[in-house]
Protein backbone atom coordinates (compact mmCIF):
# COMPACT_ATOMS: atom_id res chain seq x y z
CA MET A 1 98.45 -61.72 -71.69
CA ASP A 2 98.61 -65.18 -70.62
CA THR A 3 102.42 -64.79 -71.53
CA LEU A 4 102.60 -61.82 -69.25
CA ARG A 5 100.79 -63.51 -66.24
CA PHE A 6 103.17 -66.60 -66.86
CA GLU A 7 106.43 -64.50 -67.03
CA ALA A 8 104.93 -62.53 -63.49
CA VAL A 9 104.37 -66.17 -61.87
CA CYS A 10 108.02 -67.24 -62.64
CA SER A 11 109.49 -63.89 -61.52
CA SER A 12 107.92 -64.45 -58.14
CA TRP A 13 108.73 -68.15 -57.86
CA ASN A 14 112.56 -66.94 -58.64
CA ARG A 15 112.64 -64.37 -56.09
CA ALA A 16 111.31 -67.00 -53.41
CA ALA A 17 113.36 -69.83 -54.45
CA MET A 18 116.39 -67.15 -54.33
CA HIS A 19 115.37 -65.89 -50.91
CA LYS A 20 115.12 -69.38 -49.51
CA TRP A 21 118.45 -70.29 -50.91
CA ALA A 22 119.61 -67.35 -49.32
CA ASP A 23 118.17 -68.18 -45.65
CA GLU A 24 119.19 -71.87 -46.10
CA LEU A 25 123.38 -70.95 -46.13
CA PRO A 26 125.22 -72.51 -43.02
CA PRO A 27 126.42 -69.64 -40.56
CA GLU A 28 129.51 -71.08 -41.41
CA LEU A 29 129.70 -70.30 -44.98
CA LEU A 30 128.14 -66.78 -44.32
CA GLY A 31 131.35 -66.28 -41.91
CA LEU A 32 133.51 -66.73 -44.52
CA ILE A 33 131.90 -65.08 -47.31
CA VAL A 34 131.58 -61.74 -44.88
CA LYS A 35 135.59 -62.28 -43.91
CA LYS A 36 136.16 -62.41 -47.55
CA LEU A 37 134.45 -58.88 -47.93
CA ALA A 38 135.66 -57.27 -44.63
CA PRO A 39 138.55 -55.14 -46.41
CA ASN A 40 135.74 -53.07 -48.19
CA PHE A 41 133.13 -52.08 -45.54
CA MET A 42 130.89 -51.05 -48.38
CA ASP A 43 130.62 -54.74 -49.92
CA ILE A 44 129.65 -55.82 -46.22
CA LEU A 45 126.83 -53.12 -46.46
CA ARG A 46 125.56 -54.87 -49.59
CA PHE A 47 125.88 -58.25 -48.21
CA GLU A 48 123.55 -56.97 -44.90
CA ALA A 49 120.76 -55.86 -47.36
CA VAL A 50 120.17 -59.61 -48.99
CA CYS A 51 118.21 -60.62 -46.28
CA SER A 52 117.78 -61.07 -42.47
CA SER A 53 120.21 -63.98 -42.14
CA TRP A 54 122.77 -62.24 -44.23
CA ASN A 55 122.30 -59.12 -42.12
CA ARG A 56 122.83 -61.20 -38.93
CA ALA A 57 126.01 -62.92 -39.92
CA ALA A 58 127.49 -59.79 -40.84
CA ARG A 59 126.28 -57.94 -37.74
CA TRP A 60 127.74 -60.86 -35.63
CA TYR A 61 131.03 -60.85 -37.46
CA THR A 62 131.42 -57.06 -37.17
CA SER A 63 131.05 -57.00 -33.77
CA THR A 64 133.40 -59.95 -32.60
CA ALA A 65 136.06 -59.66 -35.17
CA ALA A 66 139.04 -57.29 -35.03
CA LEU A 67 138.33 -54.45 -37.05
CA THR A 68 139.91 -55.00 -40.51
CA PRO A 69 141.70 -51.99 -42.05
CA GLN A 70 139.92 -49.63 -44.24
CA CYS A 71 141.41 -47.61 -47.18
CA PRO A 72 140.91 -43.91 -46.34
CA TRP A 73 137.67 -41.66 -47.81
CA LEU A 74 138.32 -37.94 -48.77
CA MET A 75 135.25 -36.03 -47.87
CA LEU A 76 134.28 -33.06 -50.59
CA PRO A 77 131.80 -30.53 -49.52
CA THR A 78 129.34 -28.87 -51.39
CA LEU A 79 130.11 -26.73 -54.60
CA LYS A 80 131.44 -23.44 -53.82
CA LEU A 81 129.88 -20.97 -56.00
CA HIS A 82 131.43 -17.24 -56.27
CA GLY A 83 133.01 -17.78 -52.91
CA ARG A 84 130.43 -19.02 -51.00
CA TRP A 85 129.34 -22.35 -49.85
CA SER A 86 125.86 -23.58 -51.23
CA LYS A 87 123.24 -22.52 -49.07
CA PRO A 88 121.00 -25.25 -47.43
CA ARG A 89 117.35 -25.81 -48.62
CA SER A 90 114.27 -24.38 -46.20
CA ASP A 91 114.06 -27.61 -44.41
CA GLY A 92 118.02 -27.68 -43.55
CA ASP A 93 119.08 -30.28 -45.72
CA VAL A 94 122.55 -30.03 -47.17
CA LYS A 95 122.96 -31.34 -50.81
CA GLY A 96 126.10 -32.70 -52.43
CA ILE A 97 128.24 -33.96 -49.74
CA CYS A 98 130.73 -36.46 -51.69
CA PHE A 99 133.06 -39.07 -50.58
CA PHE A 100 135.44 -40.43 -52.71
CA SER A 101 136.58 -43.90 -52.01
CA LEU A 102 140.07 -44.26 -52.85
CA ALA A 103 139.94 -48.19 -53.15
CA GLU A 104 137.27 -47.92 -55.86
CA ASN A 105 138.09 -44.87 -57.42
CA LYS A 106 134.45 -43.88 -56.97
CA ASP A 107 132.29 -41.30 -55.62
CA TYR A 108 129.64 -41.78 -52.98
CA LYS A 109 127.12 -38.97 -52.49
CA MET A 110 125.09 -38.54 -49.34
CA ASP A 111 122.60 -36.51 -48.40
CA TRP A 112 122.40 -35.13 -44.66
CA LYS A 113 119.64 -33.53 -42.43
CA ALA A 114 120.88 -30.61 -40.28
CA SER A 115 119.61 -32.19 -37.32
CA GLN A 116 122.37 -34.99 -38.10
CA GLY A 117 124.79 -32.45 -37.14
CA PHE A 118 126.21 -31.10 -40.78
CA ALA A 119 125.13 -27.71 -42.11
CA VAL A 120 127.21 -24.86 -43.87
CA ASP A 121 130.32 -23.41 -42.53
CA VAL A 122 130.45 -19.82 -40.68
CA ASP A 123 131.87 -18.57 -43.44
CA SER A 124 129.11 -19.11 -45.72
CA PHE A 125 127.50 -15.77 -45.88
CA PRO A 126 129.91 -13.14 -45.09
CA GLY A 127 128.58 -10.19 -42.63
CA SER A 128 125.30 -11.86 -41.86
CA SER A 129 124.28 -13.78 -39.12
CA HIS A 130 124.76 -17.23 -39.14
CA ASP A 131 124.42 -20.05 -36.43
CA GLY A 132 125.20 -23.36 -37.70
CA TRP A 133 128.22 -26.16 -37.58
CA LEU A 134 131.68 -26.09 -38.94
CA VAL A 135 133.73 -28.91 -39.81
CA CYS A 136 137.21 -28.73 -37.86
CA ASN A 137 139.00 -32.07 -38.73
CA SER A 138 138.61 -35.81 -38.43
CA SER A 139 139.73 -38.17 -35.76
CA HIS A 140 139.46 -42.22 -35.57
CA GLY A 141 137.10 -41.88 -38.40
CA TRP A 142 134.63 -39.22 -36.87
CA LEU A 143 134.05 -35.55 -37.70
CA VAL A 144 134.45 -32.90 -35.27
CA MET A 145 131.78 -30.41 -35.77
CA LEU A 146 132.16 -27.21 -34.06
CA GLU A 147 128.81 -25.04 -33.14
CA VAL A 148 129.04 -21.66 -34.21
CA VAL A 149 127.18 -18.72 -33.09
CA GLY A 150 127.29 -15.36 -34.55
CA SER A 151 128.68 -13.33 -37.88
CA MET A 152 131.74 -14.36 -39.52
CA LEU A 153 133.68 -11.47 -38.03
CA PHE A 154 132.07 -11.57 -34.60
CA HIS A 155 131.29 -15.20 -33.61
CA GLU A 156 131.96 -17.69 -30.88
CA ILE A 157 132.15 -21.65 -30.55
CA ARG A 158 129.84 -22.95 -27.91
CA GLY A 159 130.45 -26.51 -28.34
CA ILE A 160 131.52 -29.40 -30.23
CA ARG A 161 129.70 -32.73 -31.67
CA LEU A 162 131.26 -35.98 -32.72
CA PHE A 163 129.59 -37.52 -36.09
CA ASN A 164 130.33 -40.55 -37.48
CA PRO A 165 129.25 -39.98 -41.30
CA ILE A 166 129.19 -43.75 -42.23
CA SER A 167 127.13 -44.87 -39.24
CA ARG A 168 125.12 -41.52 -38.38
CA LYS A 169 125.72 -41.66 -34.75
CA SER A 170 127.05 -38.78 -33.10
CA LYS A 171 127.83 -37.40 -29.50
CA THR A 172 127.49 -34.07 -28.11
CA LEU A 173 130.14 -33.01 -25.75
CA PRO A 174 129.57 -30.71 -22.87
CA PRO A 175 129.46 -26.91 -23.36
CA LEU A 176 132.65 -25.06 -23.93
CA ARG A 177 133.55 -22.09 -21.59
CA GLN A 178 132.79 -18.61 -23.41
CA GLY A 179 135.32 -16.79 -25.52
CA VAL A 180 136.35 -19.65 -27.51
CA SER A 181 136.53 -18.05 -31.20
CA SER A 182 139.11 -20.05 -33.19
CA ILE A 183 139.92 -24.10 -32.38
CA ARG A 184 142.66 -25.50 -34.64
CA LYS A 185 142.32 -29.10 -34.15
CA VAL A 186 140.61 -31.35 -31.92
CA VAL A 187 141.98 -34.82 -31.08
CA LEU A 188 140.39 -38.20 -29.53
CA SER A 189 142.39 -40.88 -27.77
CA SER A 190 140.39 -43.66 -29.42
CA ASP A 191 137.44 -44.45 -31.44
CA PRO A 192 134.08 -43.92 -29.65
CA SER A 193 132.37 -46.46 -31.36
CA ARG A 194 134.62 -49.23 -29.77
CA ASN A 195 135.11 -47.59 -26.55
CA ASN A 196 132.71 -45.20 -24.47
CA ASN A 197 135.73 -43.90 -22.28
CA PHE A 198 138.14 -41.73 -24.43
CA VAL A 199 139.66 -38.32 -23.98
CA VAL A 200 139.32 -35.21 -26.16
CA VAL A 201 141.82 -32.69 -26.59
CA ILE A 202 141.40 -29.19 -27.80
CA HIS A 203 143.78 -26.94 -29.49
CA ASP A 204 142.03 -23.40 -28.84
CA ALA A 205 143.81 -20.16 -30.18
CA THR A 206 142.93 -16.73 -29.77
CA SER A 207 144.55 -13.25 -30.77
CA ARG A 208 146.33 -13.41 -27.67
CA SER A 209 147.25 -16.82 -26.54
CA THR A 210 147.21 -20.75 -27.43
CA ARG A 211 145.83 -23.11 -24.96
CA LEU A 212 145.26 -26.86 -24.68
CA THR A 213 142.20 -28.22 -22.84
CA PHE A 214 140.80 -31.82 -22.17
CA TYR A 215 137.82 -33.56 -21.24
CA GLN A 216 137.17 -37.16 -20.44
CA HIS A 217 134.39 -38.96 -21.62
CA GLY A 218 132.37 -41.79 -19.79
CA ARG A 219 133.38 -40.47 -16.21
CA GLY A 220 129.93 -40.11 -15.11
CA GLU A 221 127.21 -37.32 -15.43
CA GLU A 222 128.93 -34.82 -12.89
CA ASN A 223 131.68 -34.69 -15.86
CA ALA A 224 129.11 -33.65 -18.65
CA ALA A 225 128.22 -30.40 -17.00
CA ALA A 226 129.82 -27.19 -18.27
CA GLY A 227 133.45 -26.66 -16.49
CA ALA A 228 134.22 -30.16 -17.76
CA TRP A 229 137.14 -29.06 -19.71
CA THR A 230 140.30 -28.43 -18.24
CA ASP A 231 143.22 -26.70 -19.02
CA LEU A 232 146.02 -28.82 -19.69
CA GLU A 233 148.93 -28.24 -17.20
CA ASP A 234 151.77 -25.79 -18.67
CA SER A 235 150.28 -25.39 -21.82
CA HIS A 236 149.62 -21.62 -22.33
CA GLY A 237 151.96 -20.08 -24.62
CA HIS A 238 152.24 -17.24 -27.21
CA TYR A 239 149.97 -17.06 -30.23
CA GLY A 240 150.74 -19.65 -32.62
CA GLY A 241 152.86 -21.36 -30.15
CA TYR A 242 151.41 -24.85 -31.44
CA CYS A 243 151.15 -26.03 -35.29
CA ASP A 244 149.79 -29.68 -34.30
CA ILE A 245 148.98 -32.08 -31.52
CA GLN A 246 148.53 -35.63 -31.44
CA LEU A 247 147.35 -38.31 -28.74
CA LEU A 248 149.57 -41.33 -29.19
CA ASN A 249 150.37 -44.74 -27.64
CA ASN A 250 146.60 -45.60 -27.13
CA GLY A 251 145.90 -42.18 -25.98
CA HIS A 252 148.00 -42.37 -23.16
CA TYR A 253 150.73 -39.47 -24.25
CA LEU A 254 149.70 -36.20 -25.66
CA PHE A 255 152.46 -34.78 -28.19
CA ALA A 256 152.34 -31.12 -28.87
CA LEU A 257 154.57 -29.69 -31.73
CA SER A 258 155.74 -26.09 -31.83
CA PHE A 259 156.80 -24.09 -34.56
CA ASP A 260 159.95 -23.99 -33.80
CA HIS A 261 160.03 -28.15 -33.83
CA SER A 262 159.86 -28.19 -29.95
CA ILE A 263 158.25 -31.34 -28.47
CA GLU A 264 156.17 -31.45 -25.58
CA VAL A 265 154.24 -34.29 -23.93
CA TRP A 266 151.78 -35.14 -21.22
CA ASP A 267 150.99 -38.40 -19.57
CA PHE A 268 147.40 -39.18 -19.35
CA GLY A 269 148.27 -42.65 -17.79
CA ASP A 270 146.61 -46.07 -18.67
CA THR A 271 143.30 -45.27 -16.89
CA TYR A 272 143.44 -41.49 -17.62
CA ASN A 273 144.80 -38.92 -14.98
CA ASN A 274 142.61 -36.28 -13.83
CA HIS A 275 145.63 -33.96 -14.06
CA PRO A 276 147.88 -35.19 -16.67
CA ALA A 277 151.49 -33.85 -16.10
CA LYS A 278 154.14 -32.72 -18.32
CA ILE A 279 156.96 -35.03 -18.60
CA LEU A 280 159.01 -33.96 -21.65
CA ARG A 281 159.76 -30.83 -23.35
CA PHE A 282 162.83 -30.01 -25.36
CA ARG A 283 163.76 -28.38 -28.85
CA PRO A 284 165.76 -31.35 -30.89
CA SER A 285 168.12 -29.99 -33.71
CA ILE A 286 166.78 -30.37 -37.17
CA ASP A 287 168.92 -30.49 -40.47
CA ILE A 288 166.79 -28.16 -42.80
CA ASP A 289 167.40 -27.96 -46.51
CA ARG A 290 168.25 -24.48 -47.68
CA ASN A 291 165.42 -24.60 -50.39
CA VAL A 292 162.93 -25.33 -47.54
CA LEU A 293 163.95 -22.43 -45.30
CA SER A 294 160.93 -20.33 -46.03
CA CYS A 295 158.46 -23.24 -45.56
CA MET A 296 159.88 -24.04 -41.80
CA MET A 297 158.30 -20.68 -40.82
CA SER A 298 154.89 -21.53 -42.06
CA ASP A 299 152.23 -23.91 -40.14
CA THR A 300 152.13 -26.67 -43.08
CA LYS A 301 153.36 -29.15 -40.44
CA TRP A 302 151.87 -32.64 -39.34
CA LEU A 303 152.74 -34.50 -36.47
CA LEU A 304 151.98 -38.21 -36.50
CA GLU A 305 152.96 -41.77 -35.13
CA SER A 306 154.26 -44.41 -38.29
CA MET A 307 155.81 -47.93 -37.21
CA GLY A 308 156.46 -46.94 -33.81
CA GLU A 309 158.19 -43.85 -34.68
CA LEU A 310 157.29 -40.43 -34.30
CA LEU A 311 157.01 -38.18 -37.62
CA LEU A 312 157.04 -34.66 -38.68
CA VAL A 313 156.24 -33.80 -41.98
CA GLU A 314 156.74 -30.36 -43.65
CA MET A 315 154.92 -29.13 -46.87
CA GLU A 316 157.20 -26.67 -48.95
CA PHE A 317 155.06 -23.96 -51.03
CA LEU A 318 156.40 -23.63 -54.59
CA GLY A 319 155.83 -20.26 -54.49
CA GLN A 320 153.18 -17.92 -55.99
CA HIS A 321 151.56 -18.92 -59.07
CA CYS A 322 153.35 -22.46 -58.73
CA ARG A 323 149.58 -23.74 -58.67
CA GLY A 324 150.59 -26.84 -56.29
CA ALA A 325 152.57 -27.82 -53.63
CA GLU A 326 154.72 -30.63 -54.43
CA LEU A 327 157.46 -31.16 -52.12
CA PHE A 328 157.25 -32.83 -48.77
CA TYR A 329 159.80 -33.36 -46.39
CA VAL A 330 159.62 -36.69 -43.46
CA TYR A 331 161.61 -36.29 -40.34
CA LYS A 332 161.80 -38.88 -37.45
CA LEU A 333 162.20 -37.87 -33.59
CA ASN A 334 165.34 -39.34 -31.96
CA ILE A 335 164.70 -38.56 -28.27
CA ALA A 336 167.96 -40.01 -27.33
CA ALA A 337 169.94 -37.81 -29.66
CA LYS A 338 167.26 -34.87 -29.36
CA LYS A 339 167.21 -34.64 -33.06
CA TRP A 340 164.84 -34.63 -36.26
CA GLU A 341 166.36 -36.92 -38.39
CA LYS A 342 165.41 -36.77 -42.12
CA VAL A 343 163.56 -39.89 -43.48
CA GLY A 344 164.47 -41.21 -47.04
CA SER A 345 161.75 -43.87 -47.38
CA LEU A 346 158.45 -44.46 -45.91
CA ARG A 347 158.86 -48.72 -46.33
CA ASP A 348 155.82 -50.56 -46.31
CA CYS A 349 154.06 -47.22 -45.85
CA ALA A 350 151.71 -44.30 -46.93
CA LEU A 351 150.64 -40.99 -45.25
CA PHE A 352 147.62 -39.21 -45.15
CA LEU A 353 147.57 -35.71 -44.83
CA ASP A 354 144.90 -32.51 -45.38
CA SER A 355 144.70 -28.73 -44.67
CA HIS A 356 142.38 -29.67 -41.58
CA GLY A 357 145.16 -31.29 -39.48
CA SER A 358 144.31 -34.79 -39.85
CA ALA A 359 147.20 -37.06 -40.31
CA MET A 360 147.56 -40.97 -40.18
CA SER A 361 149.98 -43.60 -41.39
CA LEU A 362 148.56 -46.66 -43.03
CA SER A 363 150.52 -50.13 -43.94
CA THR A 364 150.63 -50.54 -47.45
CA ALA A 365 151.00 -54.34 -46.59
CA LYS A 366 147.60 -54.62 -45.30
CA LEU A 367 146.43 -52.04 -47.77
CA PRO A 368 148.45 -53.21 -51.28
CA GLU A 369 146.12 -50.67 -53.12
CA LEU A 370 147.92 -47.80 -51.81
CA GLU A 371 151.45 -46.73 -52.97
CA GLU A 372 154.43 -47.34 -50.80
CA ASN A 373 156.98 -44.76 -49.76
CA SER A 374 153.88 -42.23 -50.53
CA ILE A 375 152.12 -39.12 -49.24
CA TYR A 376 148.24 -38.56 -50.05
CA PHE A 377 147.49 -35.03 -49.66
CA ALA A 378 144.64 -32.69 -49.75
CA ASP A 379 145.77 -29.31 -49.19
CA SER A 380 145.20 -25.43 -50.16
CA TYR A 381 147.06 -21.99 -50.49
CA GLN A 382 146.33 -18.83 -51.45
CA GLU A 383 147.53 -17.30 -54.81
CA TYR A 384 147.68 -13.57 -54.90
CA SER A 385 147.76 -11.09 -57.88
CA CYS A 386 147.98 -7.47 -57.97
CA SER A 387 144.15 -7.00 -57.41
CA SER A 388 142.43 -10.17 -55.94
CA PHE A 389 143.48 -13.76 -54.55
CA ASN A 390 142.31 -17.16 -55.13
CA ASP A 391 142.05 -20.34 -53.32
CA ILE A 392 143.83 -23.06 -55.13
CA HIS A 393 143.17 -26.77 -53.99
CA VAL A 394 145.72 -29.42 -54.73
CA ARG A 395 144.80 -33.24 -54.22
CA GLY A 396 147.88 -35.66 -55.04
CA VAL A 397 150.30 -38.47 -54.29
CA PHE A 398 154.02 -37.49 -53.87
CA SER A 399 156.40 -40.14 -54.10
CA LEU A 400 159.31 -39.66 -51.88
CA GLU A 401 161.52 -41.85 -53.86
CA THR A 402 160.95 -39.93 -57.37
CA LYS A 403 160.02 -36.19 -55.60
CA ARG A 404 157.17 -36.21 -58.25
CA VAL A 405 153.13 -35.88 -57.63
CA LYS A 406 150.54 -37.25 -59.50
CA GLN A 407 146.78 -36.93 -59.31
CA TYR A 408 144.81 -39.82 -57.36
CA TYR A 409 141.53 -37.64 -57.72
CA THR A 410 140.29 -37.18 -61.35
CA THR A 411 136.39 -37.35 -61.30
CA ALA A 412 134.81 -34.89 -63.11
CA ALA A 413 132.14 -34.01 -60.17
CA HIS A 414 135.04 -32.62 -58.27
CA ALA A 415 138.14 -31.92 -60.37
CA ASN A 416 137.46 -28.19 -60.56
CA ALA A 417 139.85 -26.43 -58.19
CA ARG A 418 136.67 -24.42 -57.12
CA TYR A 419 135.82 -27.25 -54.47
CA ALA A 420 137.49 -27.29 -51.07
CA PRO A 421 140.18 -29.27 -50.75
CA GLY A 422 138.87 -32.06 -48.71
CA LEU A 423 139.35 -34.12 -45.49
CA TRP A 424 140.67 -37.39 -44.97
CA ILE A 425 138.47 -39.88 -43.02
CA LEU A 426 139.07 -43.42 -42.02
CA PRO A 427 135.75 -45.30 -42.30
CA THR A 428 134.29 -46.89 -38.92
CA PRO A 429 130.92 -48.07 -40.03
CA TRP A 430 130.22 -50.20 -36.85
């Protein structure tokens, strides 16, 4: 017993000495440590948890220093069983939301309350009444959540909530006008964590038309009421007219890509114009390989900016029963020549694409753990048979040099194809 008491005393002395040592480190040294940890925000979060002085040092650094590029995370929703998402518990919590860290090759599991803005999607319980939140896509590290009311067949989208899955912060946007039942994509002009004045653009597609509407956040209380959403000038077209939209050049310009490869551009201006005008509309020519003609009519197209150039990425389906989409084609826009020119190499870059419409280009010089000249994708397609169809989910990294795909995610927790394809986010924890 005396030995145990002695060990307990020594243990308490060690803890006290450790805390004293940690508190006495000079701020300059703590700043250097945090700077070294900055490339992986999880290391900074662990650093913050040591003691109050380390927490203050980390908070000061993250609030004053330029945001260090982070490696993307892949969001993997709850387990899909027998065609349905697992039902939340009676208290509204959702279990099993996982994020895969590409840099660490590690899963992080997070449990969220429904009040934080996450619940099962509207297709969870076919034929039944369901009010909840549907994950649409990600933009600047924030999830775009759609408030859905009704059943799978007859539902309406009432509102939008922006939710940061790392910091748990959220922003509720004004109610949408009545009759919105399908939103393909929502894009933000900037990170709401860093700038409260940002623009939100919605690609709203119904059975009769396609429409772009926008909202300017941070313009005062009068702009936060119903009716704050404004139709974008000359953006009405036939159903399926647009296949992707992006706010580029610090959110000053909105680019819209059509299925026939046409480009339309609206100018929001430096201070965000209340009435953005369409400044460009043309249909560039494009050299299409014969073996991707079938792909050109599909909706597997992404528009994104990379190294100062506008890129178009198209994915080729290998056909029924091929279990995977393994070919990607990249084009850059030559405005002067009005042509989509084929890109043979993504030097110093890696692209990230998913079936939700999220698309981004990251520098492999700043993030050396990424594979240069590659496309990381998380997508899905439906495989049909005589009596049924199955959702096939694919995750891999495609090399533009070798035209081959290899798996980047082999963790057993989500290796099965029954899981959703996933959603890329760029972590913004501060």
